[in-house]
Amino acid sequence: MSKLEKFRELFDDTAPESILPETNFREIEEWGSLLSFSFIAMAKDDFGIQLTGEEIIKSTTVQDLLDLL
């Protein structure tokens, strides 16, 4: 499974095909602090990477987040 597919799985109410690498993740209606924490947990559990909120704040697009992984 690709990093993008893993990211898309975090969303319950957003159509996966609408989440593209160039998407500004903050513009996804479902994105919020809970999903941010879910992304941090996914990074640690699935990729062994410890992310910080600061790294997410500095990111803009879905690809920016995927590059952290």
C-alpha atoms as a PDB file:
ATOM      1  CA  MET A   1       0.000   0.000   0.000  1.00  0.00           C
ATOM      2  CA  SER A   2       1.372   3.404  -0.930  1.00  0.00           C
ATOM      3  CA  LYS A   3       1.858   6.273   1.498  1.00  0.00           C
ATOM      4  CA  LEU A   4      -0.943   8.152  -0.256  1.00  0.00           C
ATOM      5  CA  GLU A   5      -3.321   5.214   0.172  1.00  0.00           C
ATOM      6  CA  LYS A   6      -2.431   4.992   3.884  1.00  0.00           C
ATOM      7  CA  PHE A   7      -3.104   8.739   4.223  1.00  0.00           C
ATOM      8  CA  ARG A   8      -6.461   8.420   2.460  1.00  0.00           C
ATOM      9  CA  GLU A   9      -7.495   5.681   4.908  1.00  0.00           C
ATOM     10  CA  LEU A  10      -7.432   8.242   7.735  1.00  0.00           C
ATOM     11  CA  PHE A  11     -10.530   9.916   6.296  1.00  0.00           C
ATOM     12  CA  ASP A  12     -14.020   8.515   6.819  1.00  0.00           C
ATOM     13  CA  ASP A  13     -16.166  11.040   4.960  1.00  0.00           C
ATOM     14  CA  THR A  14     -13.875  12.271   2.181  1.00  0.00           C
ATOM     15  CA  ALA A  15     -13.764  10.505  -1.172  1.00  0.00           C
ATOM     16  CA  PRO A  16     -10.280   8.972  -1.524  1.00  0.00           C
ATOM     17  CA  GLU A  17      -9.942  10.041  -5.144  1.00  0.00           C
ATOM     18  CA  SER A  18     -10.372  13.677  -4.103  1.00  0.00           C
ATOM     19  CA  ILE A  19      -7.193  13.533  -1.987  1.00  0.00           C
ATOM     20  CA  LEU A  20      -4.276  14.084  -4.341  1.00  0.00           C
ATOM     21  CA  PRO A  21      -0.604  14.846  -3.650  1.00  0.00           C
ATOM     22  CA  GLU A  22      -1.126  18.494  -4.630  1.00  0.00           C
ATOM     23  CA  THR A  23      -4.192  18.893  -2.386  1.00  0.00           C
ATOM     24  CA  ASN A  24      -3.870  21.458   0.387  1.00  0.00           C
ATOM     25  CA  PHE A  25      -4.749  19.127   3.240  1.00  0.00           C
ATOM     26  CA  ARG A  26      -6.079  21.985   5.379  1.00  0.00           C
ATOM     27  CA  GLU A  27      -8.783  22.570   2.763  1.00  0.00           C
ATOM     28  CA  ILE A  28     -10.149  19.059   3.239  1.00  0.00           C
ATOM     29  CA  GLU A  29     -13.275  19.650   5.317  1.00  0.00           C
ATOM     30  CA  GLU A  30     -12.649  16.597   7.472  1.00  0.00           C
ATOM     31  CA  TRP A  31      -9.088  17.642   8.412  1.00  0.00           C
ATOM     32  CA  GLY A  32      -8.632  18.828  11.988  1.00  0.00           C
ATOM     33  CA  SER A  33      -6.686  18.162  15.147  1.00  0.00           C
ATOM     34  CA  LEU A  34      -7.999  14.601  15.485  1.00  0.00           C
ATOM     35  CA  LEU A  35      -6.833  13.677  11.987  1.00  0.00           C
ATOM     36  CA  SER A  36      -3.542  15.418  12.632  1.00  0.00           C
ATOM     37  CA  PHE A  37      -2.991  13.186  15.665  1.00  0.00           C
ATOM     38  CA  SER A  38      -4.093  10.160  13.624  1.00  0.00           C
ATOM     39  CA  PHE A  39      -1.495  11.025  10.983  1.00  0.00           C
ATOM     40  CA  ILE A  40       1.217  11.314  13.658  1.00  0.00           C
ATOM     41  CA  ALA A  41       0.169   7.927  15.090  1.00  0.00           C
ATOM     42  CA  MET A  42       0.143   6.342  11.618  1.00  0.00           C
ATOM     43  CA  ALA A  43       3.654   7.686  10.940  1.00  0.00           C
ATOM     44  CA  LYS A  44       4.932   6.101  14.139  1.00  0.00           C
ATOM     45  CA  ASP A  45       3.029   2.805  13.909  1.00  0.00           C
ATOM     46  CA  ASP A  46       3.444   2.117  10.190  1.00  0.00           C
ATOM     47  CA  PHE A  47       6.738   3.834   9.372  1.00  0.00           C
ATOM     48  CA  GLY A  48       8.575   4.104  12.704  1.00  0.00           C
ATOM     49  CA  ILE A  49       8.814   7.891  12.330  1.00  0.00           C
ATOM     50  CA  GLN A  50       8.181  10.256  15.232  1.00  0.00           C
ATOM     51  CA  LEU A  51       6.588  13.416  13.827  1.00  0.00           C
ATOM     52  CA  THR A  52       5.891  16.657  15.646  1.00  0.00           C
ATOM     53  CA  GLY A  53       3.029  19.077  15.299  1.00  0.00           C
ATOM     54  CA  GLU A  54       5.587  21.655  14.143  1.00  0.00           C
ATOM     55  CA  GLU A  55       6.418  19.522  11.092  1.00  0.00           C
ATOM     56  CA  ILE A  56       2.753  19.341  10.166  1.00  0.00           C
ATOM     57  CA  ILE A  57       2.303  23.093  10.685  1.00  0.00           C
ATOM     58  CA  LYS A  58       5.150  23.735   8.223  1.00  0.00           C
ATOM     59  CA  SER A  59       3.474  21.516   5.606  1.00  0.00           C
ATOM     60  CA  THR A  60       0.907  22.685   3.074  1.00  0.00           C
ATOM     61  CA  THR A  61       0.097  19.871   0.665  1.00  0.00           C
ATOM     62  CA  VAL A  62      -0.599  16.198   1.073  1.00  0.00           C
ATOM     63  CA  GLN A  63       2.743  15.585  -0.667  1.00  0.00           C
ATOM     64  CA  ASP A  64       4.507  17.686   1.986  1.00  0.00           C
ATOM     65  CA  LEU A  65       3.078  15.346   4.622  1.00  0.00           C
ATOM     66  CA  LEU A  66       3.976  12.243   2.642  1.00  0.00           C
ATOM     67  CA  ASP A  67       7.537  13.519   2.269  1.00  0.00           C
ATOM     68  CA  LEU A  68       7.815  13.479   6.068  1.00  0.00           C
ATOM     69  CA  LEU A  69       7.304   9.722   5.951  1.00  0.00           C
END
